[in-house]
């Protein structure tokens, strides 16, 4: 089964991105499931490397790294990155600058699309 997760909310301030990553990495443990993650709008900030959070607080960079180790393909909307001055070289390893064309391809690839 192919599942696409689309994340829209910022990494901190709400728990939607946190819950999206929890959900995606848990589903990603299942055999015969392929996961893709697309960060758009304020969620492109989730994909920035160098995040520092207080001890005991979740860290999206660490969670994205887990997804990357699981083989999850991840893209960040290039237009959204530009609007927020997020540079491609500031993205976490395993996340690439992406496009609406790729999101469209991934949507058509997916058996299920889950939006956070």
PDB file of N, CA and C in Angstrom:
ATOM      1  N   UNK A   1       0.836  -1.174   0.000  1.00  0.00           N
ATOM      2  CA  UNK A   1       0.000   0.000   0.000  1.00  0.00           C
ATOM      3  C   UNK A   1       0.885   1.244   0.000  1.00  0.00           C
ATOM      4  N   UNK A   2       0.469   2.258  -0.720  1.00  0.00           N
ATOM      5  CA  UNK A   2       1.189   3.528  -0.822  1.00  0.00           C
ATOM      6  C   UNK A   2       0.400   4.619  -0.120  1.00  0.00           C
ATOM      7  N   UNK A   3       1.070   5.320   0.810  1.00  0.00           N
ATOM      8  CA  UNK A   3       0.395   6.372   1.573  1.00  0.00           C
ATOM      9  C   UNK A   3       1.194   7.662   1.488  1.00  0.00           C
ATOM     10  N   UNK A   4       0.501   8.735   1.160  1.00  0.00           N
ATOM     11  CA  UNK A   4       1.080  10.077   1.114  1.00  0.00           C
ATOM     12  C   UNK A   4       0.549  10.877   2.300  1.00  0.00           C
ATOM     13  N   UNK A   5       1.471  11.449   3.063  1.00  0.00           N
ATOM     14  CA  UNK A   5       1.122  12.375   4.144  1.00  0.00           C
ATOM     15  C   UNK A   5       1.461  13.781   3.667  1.00  0.00           C
ATOM     16  N   UNK A   6       0.506  14.693   3.771  1.00  0.00           N
ATOM     17  CA  UNK A   6       0.719  16.097   3.430  1.00  0.00           C
ATOM     18  C   UNK A   6       0.616  16.882   4.730  1.00  0.00           C
ATOM     19  N   UNK A   7       1.693  17.595   5.062  1.00  0.00           N
ATOM     20  CA  UNK A   7       1.755  18.343   6.321  1.00  0.00           C
ATOM     21  C   UNK A   7       1.741  19.828   5.997  1.00  0.00           C
ATOM     22  N   UNK A   8       0.872  20.583   6.676  1.00  0.00           N
ATOM     23  CA  UNK A   8       0.700  22.012   6.420  1.00  0.00           C
ATOM     24  C   UNK A   8       1.109  22.918   7.572  1.00  0.00           C
ATOM     25  N   UNK A   9       1.045  22.422   8.806  1.00  0.00           N
ATOM     26  CA  UNK A   9       1.237  23.277   9.975  1.00  0.00           C
ATOM     27  C   UNK A   9       2.713  23.426  10.345  1.00  0.00           C
ATOM     28  N   UNK A  10       3.032  24.496  11.087  1.00  0.00           N
ATOM     29  CA  UNK A  10       4.422  24.724  11.497  1.00  0.00           C
ATOM     30  C   UNK A  10       4.890  23.637  12.459  1.00  0.00           C
ATOM     31  N   UNK A  11       6.199  23.518  12.629  1.00  0.00           N
ATOM     32  CA  UNK A  11       6.729  22.450  13.477  1.00  0.00           C
ATOM     33  C   UNK A  11       6.372  22.600  14.951  1.00  0.00           C
ATOM     34  N   UNK A  12       6.219  23.812  15.411  1.00  0.00           N
ATOM     35  CA  UNK A  12       5.961  24.049  16.824  1.00  0.00           C
ATOM     36  C   UNK A  12       4.842  25.074  16.950  1.00  0.00           C
ATOM     37  N   UNK A  13       4.121  25.040  18.069  1.00  0.00           N
ATOM     38  CA  UNK A  13       3.006  25.954  18.273  1.00  0.00           C
ATOM     39  C   UNK A  13       1.680  25.212  18.216  1.00  0.00           C
ATOM     40  N   UNK A  14       1.602  24.203  17.379  1.00  0.00           N
ATOM     41  CA  UNK A  14       0.480  23.259  17.377  1.00  0.00           C
ATOM     42  C   UNK A  14       1.121  21.875  17.389  1.00  0.00           C
ATOM     43  N   UNK A  15       0.327  20.855  17.536  1.00  0.00           N
ATOM     44  CA  UNK A  15       0.884  19.496  17.539  1.00  0.00           C
ATOM     45  C   UNK A  15       0.553  18.730  16.267  1.00  0.00           C
ATOM     46  N   UNK A  16       0.037  19.412  15.251  1.00  0.00           N
ATOM     47  CA  UNK A  16      -0.358  18.718  14.023  1.00  0.00           C
ATOM     48  C   UNK A  16       0.845  18.108  13.295  1.00  0.00           C
ATOM     49  N   UNK A  17       1.935  18.851  13.164  1.00  0.00           N
ATOM     50  CA  UNK A  17       3.121  18.303  12.490  1.00  0.00           C
ATOM     51  C   UNK A  17       3.710  17.158  13.309  1.00  0.00           C
ATOM     52  N   UNK A  18       3.754  17.324  14.609  1.00  0.00           N
ATOM     53  CA  UNK A  18       4.223  16.266  15.515  1.00  0.00           C
ATOM     54  C   UNK A  18       3.382  14.996  15.335  1.00  0.00           C
ATOM     55  N   UNK A  19       2.062  15.162  15.325  1.00  0.00           N
ATOM     56  CA  UNK A  19       1.184  14.000  15.146  1.00  0.00           C
ATOM     57  C   UNK A  19       1.311  13.392  13.759  1.00  0.00           C
ATOM     58  N   UNK A  20       1.516  14.223  12.754  1.00  0.00           N
ATOM     59  CA  UNK A  20       1.743  13.709  11.402  1.00  0.00           C
ATOM     60  C   UNK A  20       2.983  12.833  11.364  1.00  0.00           C
ATOM     61  N   UNK A  21       4.058  13.291  11.991  1.00  0.00           N
ATOM     62  CA  UNK A  21       5.299  12.512  12.000  1.00  0.00           C
ATOM     63  C   UNK A  21       5.152  11.243  12.823  1.00  0.00           C
ATOM     64  N   UNK A  22       4.475  11.323  13.954  1.00  0.00           N
ATOM     65  CA  UNK A  22       4.222  10.127  14.761  1.00  0.00           C
ATOM     66  C   UNK A  22       3.455   9.105  13.939  1.00  0.00           C
ATOM     67  N   UNK A  23       2.415   9.563  13.269  1.00  0.00           N
ATOM     68  CA  UNK A  23       1.582   8.679  12.469  1.00  0.00           C
ATOM     69  C   UNK A  23       2.379   8.076  11.308  1.00  0.00           C
ATOM     70  N   UNK A  24       3.084   8.925  10.573  1.00  0.00           N
ATOM     71  CA  UNK A  24       3.836   8.456   9.399  1.00  0.00           C
ATOM     72  C   UNK A  24       4.917   7.453   9.781  1.00  0.00           C
ATOM     73  N   UNK A  25       5.647   7.710  10.851  1.00  0.00           N
ATOM     74  CA  UNK A  25       6.726   6.784  11.225  1.00  0.00           C
ATOM     75  C   UNK A  25       6.172   5.480  11.790  1.00  0.00           C
ATOM     76  N   UNK A  26       5.013   5.525  12.413  1.00  0.00           N
ATOM     77  CA  UNK A  26       4.394   4.290  12.901  1.00  0.00           C
ATOM     78  C   UNK A  26       3.871   3.459  11.727  1.00  0.00           C
ATOM     79  N   UNK A  27       3.193   4.104  10.786  1.00  0.00           N
ATOM     80  CA  UNK A  27       2.720   3.400   9.596  1.00  0.00           C
ATOM     81  C   UNK A  27       3.908   2.866   8.792  1.00  0.00           C
ATOM     82  N   UNK A  28       5.001   3.645   8.764  1.00  0.00           N
ATOM     83  CA  UNK A  28       6.189   3.251   8.015  1.00  0.00           C
ATOM     84  C   UNK A  28       6.861   1.994   8.529  1.00  0.00           C
ATOM     85  N   UNK A  29       6.535   1.565   9.736  1.00  0.00           N
ATOM     86  CA  UNK A  29       7.083   0.319  10.288  1.00  0.00           C
ATOM     87  C   UNK A  29       6.389  -0.920   9.735  1.00  0.00           C
ATOM     88  N   UNK A  30       5.224  -0.732   9.152  1.00  0.00           N
ATOM     89  CA  UNK A  30       4.443  -1.865   8.647  1.00  0.00           C
ATOM     90  C   UNK A  30       5.062  -2.423   7.370  1.00  0.00           C
ATOM     91  N   UNK A  31       5.052  -3.753   7.251  1.00  0.00           N
ATOM     92  CA  UNK A  31       5.581  -4.348   6.016  1.00  0.00           C
ATOM     93  C   UNK A  31       4.667  -4.016   4.830  1.00  0.00           C
ATOM     94  N   UNK A  32       5.249  -3.958   3.683  1.00  0.00           N
ATOM     95  CA  UNK A  32       4.502  -3.726   2.438  1.00  0.00           C
ATOM     96  C   UNK A  32       3.766  -2.390   2.392  1.00  0.00           C
ATOM     97  N   UNK A  33       4.286  -1.392   3.109  1.00  0.00           N
ATOM     98  CA  UNK A  33       3.718  -0.048   3.055  1.00  0.00           C
ATOM     99  C   UNK A  33       4.832   0.914   2.642  1.00  0.00           C
ATOM    100  N   UNK A  34       4.541   1.746   1.650  1.00  0.00           N
ATOM    101  CA  UNK A  34       5.478   2.791   1.230  1.00  0.00           C
ATOM    102  C   UNK A  34       4.882   4.135   1.612  1.00  0.00           C
ATOM    103  N   UNK A  35       5.732   4.972   2.210  1.00  0.00           N
ATOM    104  CA  UNK A  35       5.290   6.282   2.702  1.00  0.00           C
ATOM    105  C   UNK A  35       6.023   7.387   1.954  1.00  0.00           C
ATOM    106  N   UNK A  36       5.296   8.459   1.673  1.00  0.00           N
ATOM    107  CA  UNK A  36       5.896   9.695   1.179  1.00  0.00           C
ATOM    108  C   UNK A  36       5.327  10.837   1.998  1.00  0.00           C
ATOM    109  N   UNK A  37       6.174  11.825   2.268  1.00  0.00           N
ATOM    110  CA  UNK A  37       5.782  12.999   3.050  1.00  0.00           C
ATOM    111  C   UNK A  37       6.016  14.253   2.219  1.00  0.00           C
ATOM    112  N   UNK A  38       5.028  15.135   2.214  1.00  0.00           N
ATOM    113  CA  UNK A  38       5.161  16.408   1.507  1.00  0.00           C
ATOM    114  C   UNK A  38       4.864  17.524   2.493  1.00  0.00           C
ATOM    115  N   UNK A  39       5.847  18.413   2.686  1.00  0.00           N
ATOM    116  CA  UNK A  39       5.708  19.551   3.582  1.00  0.00           C
ATOM    117  C   UNK A  39       5.354  20.786   2.761  1.00  0.00           C
ATOM    118  N   UNK A  40       4.276  21.459   3.143  1.00  0.00           N
ATOM    119  CA  UNK A  40       3.917  22.680   2.435  1.00  0.00           C
ATOM    120  C   UNK A  40       3.438  23.724   3.428  1.00  0.00           C
ATOM    121  N   UNK A  41       3.281  24.948   2.937  1.00  0.00           N
ATOM    122  CA  UNK A  41       2.906  26.085   3.790  1.00  0.00           C
ATOM    123  C   UNK A  41       3.925  26.193   4.927  1.00  0.00           C
ATOM    124  N   UNK A  42       3.465  26.454   6.145  1.00  0.00           N
ATOM    125  CA  UNK A  42       4.392  26.628   7.264  1.00  0.00           C
ATOM    126  C   UNK A  42       5.132  25.343   7.636  1.00  0.00           C
ATOM    127  N   UNK A  43       4.670  24.212   7.148  1.00  0.00           N
ATOM    128  CA  UNK A  43       5.335  22.935   7.463  1.00  0.00           C
ATOM    129  C   UNK A  43       6.716  22.820   6.828  1.00  0.00           C
ATOM    130  N   UNK A  44       7.044  23.655   5.843  1.00  0.00           N
ATOM    131  CA  UNK A  44       8.403  23.578   5.297  1.00  0.00           C
ATOM    132  C   UNK A  44       9.435  23.878   6.386  1.00  0.00           C
ATOM    133  N   UNK A  45       9.015  24.600   7.429  1.00  0.00           N
ATOM    134  CA  UNK A  45       9.919  24.878   8.552  1.00  0.00           C
ATOM    135  C   UNK A  45      10.247  23.597   9.326  1.00  0.00           C
ATOM    136  N   UNK A  46       9.394  22.584   9.226  1.00  0.00           N
ATOM    137  CA  UNK A  46       9.662  21.296   9.882  1.00  0.00           C
ATOM    138  C   UNK A  46      10.935  20.669   9.339  1.00  0.00           C
ATOM    139  N   UNK A  47      11.232  20.934   8.089  1.00  0.00           N
ATOM    140  CA  UNK A  47      12.337  20.272   7.400  1.00  0.00           C
ATOM    141  C   UNK A  47      13.670  21.005   7.528  1.00  0.00           C
ATOM    142  N   UNK A  48      13.729  22.040   8.350  1.00  0.00           N
ATOM    143  CA  UNK A  48      14.993  22.766   8.573  1.00  0.00           C
ATOM    144  C   UNK A  48      15.895  21.979   9.501  1.00  0.00           C
ATOM    145  N   UNK A  49      17.173  21.907   9.142  1.00  0.00           N
ATOM    146  CA  UNK A  49      18.135  21.256  10.029  1.00  0.00           C
ATOM    147  C   UNK A  49      18.587  22.222  11.124  1.00  0.00           C
ATOM    148  N   UNK A  50      19.101  21.647  12.211  1.00  0.00           N
ATOM    149  CA  UNK A  50      19.631  22.458  13.301  1.00  0.00           C
ATOM    150  C   UNK A  50      18.603  22.870  14.341  1.00  0.00           C
ATOM    151  N   UNK A  51      17.475  22.162  14.427  1.00  0.00           N
ATOM    152  CA  UNK A  51      16.444  22.513  15.395  1.00  0.00           C
ATOM    153  C   UNK A  51      16.931  22.216  16.816  1.00  0.00           C
ATOM    154  N   UNK A  52      16.683  23.149  17.707  1.00  0.00           N
ATOM    155  CA  UNK A  52      17.044  22.975  19.117  1.00  0.00           C
ATOM    156  C   UNK A  52      15.783  23.161  19.949  1.00  0.00           C
ATOM    157  N   UNK A  53      15.436  22.121  20.679  1.00  0.00           N
ATOM    158  CA  UNK A  53      14.252  22.167  21.528  1.00  0.00           C
ATOM    159  C   UNK A  53      14.656  21.842  22.967  1.00  0.00           C
ATOM    160  N   UNK A  54      13.861  22.283  23.945  1.00  0.00           N
ATOM    161  CA  UNK A  54      14.181  21.974  25.340  1.00  0.00           C
ATOM    162  C   UNK A  54      14.172  20.467  25.584  1.00  0.00           C
ATOM    163  N   UNK A  55      14.951  20.013  26.557  1.00  0.00           N
ATOM    164  CA  UNK A  55      14.949  18.599  26.929  1.00  0.00           C
ATOM    165  C   UNK A  55      13.530  18.166  27.262  1.00  0.00           C
ATOM    166  N   UNK A  56      13.170  16.995  26.785  1.00  0.00           N
ATOM    167  CA  UNK A  56      11.844  16.466  27.046  1.00  0.00           C
ATOM    168  C   UNK A  56      10.782  16.933  26.066  1.00  0.00           C
ATOM    169  N   UNK A  57      11.146  17.808  25.118  1.00  0.00           N
ATOM    170  CA  UNK A  57      10.206  18.337  24.133  1.00  0.00           C
ATOM    171  C   UNK A  57      10.481  17.660  22.804  1.00  0.00           C
ATOM    172  N   UNK A  58       9.441  17.345  22.065  1.00  0.00           N
ATOM    173  CA  UNK A  58       9.660  16.680  20.780  1.00  0.00           C
ATOM    174  C   UNK A  58      10.478  17.559  19.839  1.00  0.00           C
ATOM    175  N   UNK A  59      11.190  16.892  18.925  1.00  0.00           N
ATOM    176  CA  UNK A  59      12.045  17.580  17.963  1.00  0.00           C
ATOM    177  C   UNK A  59      11.728  17.016  16.584  1.00  0.00           C
ATOM    178  N   UNK A  60      11.158  17.858  15.707  1.00  0.00           N
ATOM    179  CA  UNK A  60      10.749  17.397  14.382  1.00  0.00           C
ATOM    180  C   UNK A  60      11.930  16.933  13.545  1.00  0.00           C
ATOM    181  N   UNK A  61      13.081  17.545  13.710  1.00  0.00           N
ATOM    182  CA  UNK A  61      14.252  17.126  12.934  1.00  0.00           C
ATOM    183  C   UNK A  61      14.584  15.667  13.238  1.00  0.00           C
ATOM    184  N   UNK A  62      14.567  15.294  14.510  1.00  0.00           N
ATOM    185  CA  UNK A  62      14.846  13.900  14.872  1.00  0.00           C
ATOM    186  C   UNK A  62      13.787  12.961  14.299  1.00  0.00           C
ATOM    187  N   UNK A  63      12.540  13.383  14.341  1.00  0.00           N
ATOM    188  CA  UNK A  63      11.451  12.542  13.832  1.00  0.00           C
ATOM    189  C   UNK A  63      11.553  12.368  12.315  1.00  0.00           C
ATOM    190  N   UNK A  64      11.919  13.422  11.614  1.00  0.00           N
ATOM    191  CA  UNK A  64      12.090  13.340  10.160  1.00  0.00           C
ATOM    192  C   UNK A  64      13.266  12.427   9.821  1.00  0.00           C
ATOM    193  N   UNK A  65      14.314  12.457  10.627  1.00  0.00           N
ATOM    194  CA  UNK A  65      15.463  11.583  10.423  1.00  0.00           C
ATOM    195  C   UNK A  65      15.056  10.116  10.564  1.00  0.00           C
ATOM    196  N   UNK A  66      14.168   9.819  11.504  1.00  0.00           N
ATOM    197  CA  UNK A  66      13.651   8.451  11.647  1.00  0.00           C
ATOM    198  C   UNK A  66      12.919   8.041  10.376  1.00  0.00           C
ATOM    199  N   UNK A  67      12.067   8.916   9.864  1.00  0.00           N
ATOM    200  CA  UNK A  67      11.327   8.619   8.626  1.00  0.00           C
ATOM    201  C   UNK A  67      12.289   8.398   7.465  1.00  0.00           C
ATOM    202  N   UNK A  68      13.342   9.205   7.410  1.00  0.00           N
ATOM    203  CA  UNK A  68      14.338   9.064   6.346  1.00  0.00           C
ATOM    204  C   UNK A  68      15.002   7.691   6.424  1.00  0.00           C
ATOM    205  N   UNK A  69      15.337   7.248   7.642  1.00  0.00           N
ATOM    206  CA  UNK A  69      15.949   5.923   7.822  1.00  0.00           C
ATOM    207  C   UNK A  69      15.006   4.798   7.434  1.00  0.00           C
ATOM    208  N   UNK A  70      13.701   5.056   7.504  1.00  0.00           N
ATOM    209  CA  UNK A  70      12.707   4.064   7.105  1.00  0.00           C
ATOM    210  C   UNK A  70      12.541   4.005   5.587  1.00  0.00           C
ATOM    211  N   UNK A  71      13.196   4.904   4.882  1.00  0.00           N
ATOM    212  CA  UNK A  71      13.103   4.920   3.425  1.00  0.00           C
ATOM    213  C   UNK A  71      12.004   5.808   2.881  1.00  0.00           C
ATOM    214  N   UNK A  72      11.456   6.675   3.716  1.00  0.00           N
ATOM    215  CA  UNK A  72      10.387   7.576   3.285  1.00  0.00           C
ATOM    216  C   UNK A  72      10.941   8.654   2.361  1.00  0.00           C
ATOM    217  N   UNK A  73      10.302   8.856   1.222  1.00  0.00           N
ATOM    218  CA  UNK A  73      10.639   9.974   0.340  1.00  0.00           C
ATOM    219  C   UNK A  73       9.955  11.215   0.888  1.00  0.00           C
ATOM    220  N   UNK A  74      10.698  12.331   0.935  1.00  0.00           N
ATOM    221  CA  UNK A  74      10.145  13.552   1.511  1.00  0.00           C
ATOM    222  C   UNK A  74      10.497  14.759   0.650  1.00  0.00           C
ATOM    223  N   UNK A  75       9.500  15.586   0.418  1.00  0.00           N
ATOM    224  CA  UNK A  75       9.709  16.806  -0.341  1.00  0.00           C
ATOM    225  C   UNK A  75       9.119  18.000   0.384  1.00  0.00           C
ATOM    226  N   UNK A  76       9.694  19.167   0.122  1.00  0.00           N
ATOM    227  CA  UNK A  76       9.198  20.423   0.676  1.00  0.00           C
ATOM    228  C   UNK A  76       8.830  21.337  -0.497  1.00  0.00           C
ATOM    229  N   UNK A  77       7.665  21.924  -0.436  1.00  0.00           N
ATOM    230  CA  UNK A  77       7.172  22.792  -1.501  1.00  0.00           C
ATOM    231  C   UNK A  77       8.148  23.956  -1.739  1.00  0.00           C
ATOM    232  N   UNK A  78       8.673  24.057  -2.938  1.00  0.00           N
ATOM    233  CA  UNK A  78       9.637  25.102  -3.270  1.00  0.00           C
ATOM    234  C   UNK A  78       9.058  26.502  -3.176  1.00  0.00           C
ATOM    235  N   UNK A  79       7.828  26.692  -3.615  1.00  0.00           N
ATOM    236  CA  UNK A  79       7.185  28.008  -3.531  1.00  0.00           C
ATOM    237  C   UNK A  79       7.007  28.415  -2.070  1.00  0.00           C
ATOM    238  N   UNK A  80       6.619  27.460  -1.243  1.00  0.00           N
ATOM    239  CA  UNK A  80       6.442  27.725   0.193  1.00  0.00           C
ATOM    240  C   UNK A  80       7.786  28.026   0.849  1.00  0.00           C
ATOM    241  N   UNK A  81       8.830  27.325   0.413  1.00  0.00           N
ATOM    242  CA  UNK A  81      10.178  27.588   0.929  1.00  0.00           C
ATOM    243  C   UNK A  81      10.595  29.014   0.586  1.00  0.00           C
ATOM    244  N   UNK A  82      10.396  29.410  -0.656  1.00  0.00           N
ATOM    245  CA  UNK A  82      10.776  30.765  -1.084  1.00  0.00           C
ATOM    246  C   UNK A  82      10.051  31.825  -0.264  1.00  0.00           C
ATOM    247  N   UNK A  83       8.760  31.624  -0.007  1.00  0.00           N
ATOM    248  CA  UNK A  83       7.965  32.599   0.743  1.00  0.00           C
ATOM    249  C   UNK A  83       8.461  32.759   2.178  1.00  0.00           C
ATOM    250  N   UNK A  84       9.154  31.717   2.687  1.00  0.00           N
ATOM    251  CA  UNK A  84       9.627  31.725   4.076  1.00  0.00           C
ATOM    252  C   UNK A  84      11.147  31.791   4.173  1.00  0.00           C
ATOM    253  N   UNK A  85      11.798  32.063   3.053  1.00  0.00           N
ATOM    254  CA  UNK A  85      13.257  32.189   2.990  1.00  0.00           C
ATOM    255  C   UNK A  85      13.969  30.937   3.517  1.00  0.00           C
ATOM    256  N   UNK A  86      13.391  29.771   3.218  1.00  0.00           N
ATOM    257  CA  UNK A  86      14.030  28.502   3.580  1.00  0.00           C
ATOM    258  C   UNK A  86      14.876  28.074   2.379  1.00  0.00           C
ATOM    259  N   UNK A  87      16.172  27.993   2.572  1.00  0.00           N
ATOM    260  CA  UNK A  87      17.082  27.624   1.493  1.00  0.00           C
ATOM    261  C   UNK A  87      17.215  26.112   1.403  1.00  0.00           C
ATOM    262  N   UNK A  88      17.445  25.628   0.187  1.00  0.00           N
ATOM    263  CA  UNK A  88      17.542  24.183  -0.031  1.00  0.00           C
ATOM    264  C   UNK A  88      18.653  23.552   0.808  1.00  0.00           C
ATOM    265  N   UNK A  89      19.778  24.266   0.976  1.00  0.00           N
ATOM    266  CA  UNK A  89      20.882  23.691   1.750  1.00  0.00           C
ATOM    267  C   UNK A  89      20.621  23.711   3.256  1.00  0.00           C
ATOM    268  N   UNK A  90      19.484  24.277   3.686  1.00  0.00           N
ATOM    269  CA  UNK A  90      19.137  24.238   5.110  1.00  0.00           C
ATOM    270  C   UNK A  90      18.186  23.083   5.436  1.00  0.00           C
ATOM    271  N   UNK A  91      17.806  22.310   4.409  1.00  0.00           N
ATOM    272  CA  UNK A  91      16.892  21.195   4.637  1.00  0.00           C
ATOM    273  C   UNK A  91      17.604  20.007   5.268  1.00  0.00           C
ATOM    274  N   UNK A  92      16.872  19.277   6.074  1.00  0.00           N
ATOM    275  CA  UNK A  92      17.354  18.046   6.689  1.00  0.00           C
ATOM    276  C   UNK A  92      17.697  17.045   5.587  1.00  0.00           C
ATOM    277  N   UNK A  93      18.759  16.284   5.793  1.00  0.00           N
ATOM    278  CA  UNK A  93      19.136  15.249   4.826  1.00  0.00           C
ATOM    279  C   UNK A  93      17.934  14.334   4.593  1.00  0.00           C
ATOM    280  N   UNK A  94      17.669  14.058   3.346  1.00  0.00           N
ATOM    281  CA  UNK A  94      16.547  13.202   2.989  1.00  0.00           C
ATOM    282  C   UNK A  94      15.306  13.961   2.558  1.00  0.00           C
ATOM    283  N   UNK A  95      15.296  15.279   2.766  1.00  0.00           N
ATOM    284  CA  UNK A  95      14.188  16.125   2.310  1.00  0.00           C
ATOM    285  C   UNK A  95      14.714  16.966   1.160  1.00  0.00           C
ATOM    286  N   UNK A  96      13.996  16.972   0.048  1.00  0.00           N
ATOM    287  CA  UNK A  96      14.438  17.754  -1.107  1.00  0.00           C
ATOM    288  C   UNK A  96      13.421  18.848  -1.446  1.00  0.00           C
ATOM    289  N   UNK A  97      13.903  19.865  -2.127  1.00  0.00           N
ATOM    290  CA  UNK A  97      13.025  20.923  -2.634  1.00  0.00           C
ATOM    291  C   UNK A  97      12.136  20.284  -3.694  1.00  0.00           C
ATOM    292  N   UNK A  98      10.847  20.515  -3.591  1.00  0.00           N
ATOM    293  CA  UNK A  98       9.906  19.839  -4.473  1.00  0.00           C
ATOM    294  C   UNK A  98       8.995  20.846  -5.171  1.00  0.00           C
ATOM    295  N   UNK A  99       8.021  20.312  -5.890  1.00  0.00           N
ATOM    296  CA  UNK A  99       7.120  21.132  -6.694  1.00  0.00           C
ATOM    297  C   UNK A  99       5.692  20.606  -6.589  1.00  0.00           C
ATOM    298  N   UNK A 100       4.752  21.393  -7.078  1.00  0.00           N
ATOM    299  CA  UNK A 100       3.364  20.937  -7.150  1.00  0.00           C
ATOM    300  C   UNK A 100       3.233  19.791  -8.156  1.00  0.00           C
ATOM    301  N   UNK A 101       4.085  19.785  -9.165  1.00  0.00           N
ATOM    302  CA  UNK A 101       4.074  18.667 -10.125  1.00  0.00           C
ATOM    303  C   UNK A 101       4.410  17.357  -9.424  1.00  0.00           C
ATOM    304  N   UNK A 102       5.431  17.396  -8.554  1.00  0.00           N
ATOM    305  CA  UNK A 102       5.787  16.177  -7.831  1.00  0.00           C
ATOM    306  C   UNK A 102       4.679  15.796  -6.855  1.00  0.00           C
ATOM    307  N   UNK A 103       4.086  16.777  -6.175  1.00  0.00           N
ATOM    308  CA  UNK A 103       2.963  16.478  -5.287  1.00  0.00           C
ATOM    309  C   UNK A 103       1.828  15.822  -6.067  1.00  0.00           C
ATOM    310  N   UNK A 104       1.573  16.307  -7.265  1.00  0.00           N
ATOM    311  CA  UNK A 104       0.543  15.706  -8.111  1.00  0.00           C
ATOM    312  C   UNK A 104       0.898  14.259  -8.443  1.00  0.00           C
ATOM    313  N   UNK A 105       2.150  14.011  -8.829  1.00  0.00           N
ATOM    314  CA  UNK A 105       2.591  12.644  -9.124  1.00  0.00           C
ATOM    315  C   UNK A 105       2.433  11.742  -7.904  1.00  0.00           C
ATOM    316  N   UNK A 106       2.843  12.258  -6.745  1.00  0.00           N
ATOM    317  CA  UNK A 106       2.752  11.467  -5.513  1.00  0.00           C
ATOM    318  C   UNK A 106       1.292  11.197  -5.144  1.00  0.00           C
ATOM    319  N   UNK A 107       0.416  12.170  -5.377  1.00  0.00           N
ATOM    320  CA  UNK A 107      -1.008  11.985  -5.082  1.00  0.00           C
ATOM    321  C   UNK A 107      -1.582  10.869  -5.945  1.00  0.00           C
ATOM    322  N   UNK A 108      -1.216  10.851  -7.212  1.00  0.00           N
ATOM    323  CA  UNK A 108      -1.707   9.808  -8.119  1.00  0.00           C
ATOM    324  C   UNK A 108      -1.082   8.447  -7.805  1.00  0.00           C
ATOM    325  N   UNK A 109       0.118   8.422  -7.239  1.00  0.00           N
ATOM    326  CA  UNK A 109       0.798   7.198  -6.820  1.00  0.00           C
ATOM    327  C   UNK A 109       0.115   6.584  -5.598  1.00  0.00           C
ATOM    328  N   UNK A 110      -0.426   7.428  -4.735  1.00  0.00           N
ATOM    329  CA  UNK A 110      -0.916   6.997  -3.422  1.00  0.00           C
ATOM    330  C   UNK A 110      -2.256   6.264  -3.497  1.00  0.00           C
ATOM    331  N   UNK A 111      -2.361   5.236  -2.649  1.00  0.00           N
ATOM    332  CA  UNK A 111      -3.648   4.592  -2.419  1.00  0.00           C
ATOM    333  C   UNK A 111      -4.455   5.411  -1.421  1.00  0.00           C
ATOM    334  N   UNK A 112      -3.755   6.082  -0.513  1.00  0.00           N
ATOM    335  CA  UNK A 112      -4.397   6.927   0.500  1.00  0.00           C
ATOM    336  C   UNK A 112      -3.583   8.213   0.638  1.00  0.00           C
ATOM    337  N   UNK A 113      -4.288   9.323   0.833  1.00  0.00           N
ATOM    338  CA  UNK A 113      -3.647  10.610   1.120  1.00  0.00           C
ATOM    339  C   UNK A 113      -4.195  11.093   2.461  1.00  0.00           C
ATOM    340  N   UNK A 114      -3.271  11.372   3.385  1.00  0.00           N
ATOM    341  CA  UNK A 114      -3.660  11.841   4.710  1.00  0.00           C
ATOM    342  C   UNK A 114      -3.076  13.244   4.871  1.00  0.00           C
ATOM    343  N   UNK A 115      -3.950  14.195   5.222  1.00  0.00           N
ATOM    344  CA  UNK A 115      -3.547  15.595   5.306  1.00  0.00           C
ATOM    345  C   UNK A 115      -3.604  16.054   6.762  1.00  0.00           C
ATOM    346  N   UNK A 116      -2.486  16.637   7.208  1.00  0.00           N
ATOM    347  CA  UNK A 116      -2.407  17.229   8.536  1.00  0.00           C
ATOM    348  C   UNK A 116      -2.223  18.724   8.381  1.00  0.00           C
TER     349      UNK A 116
END
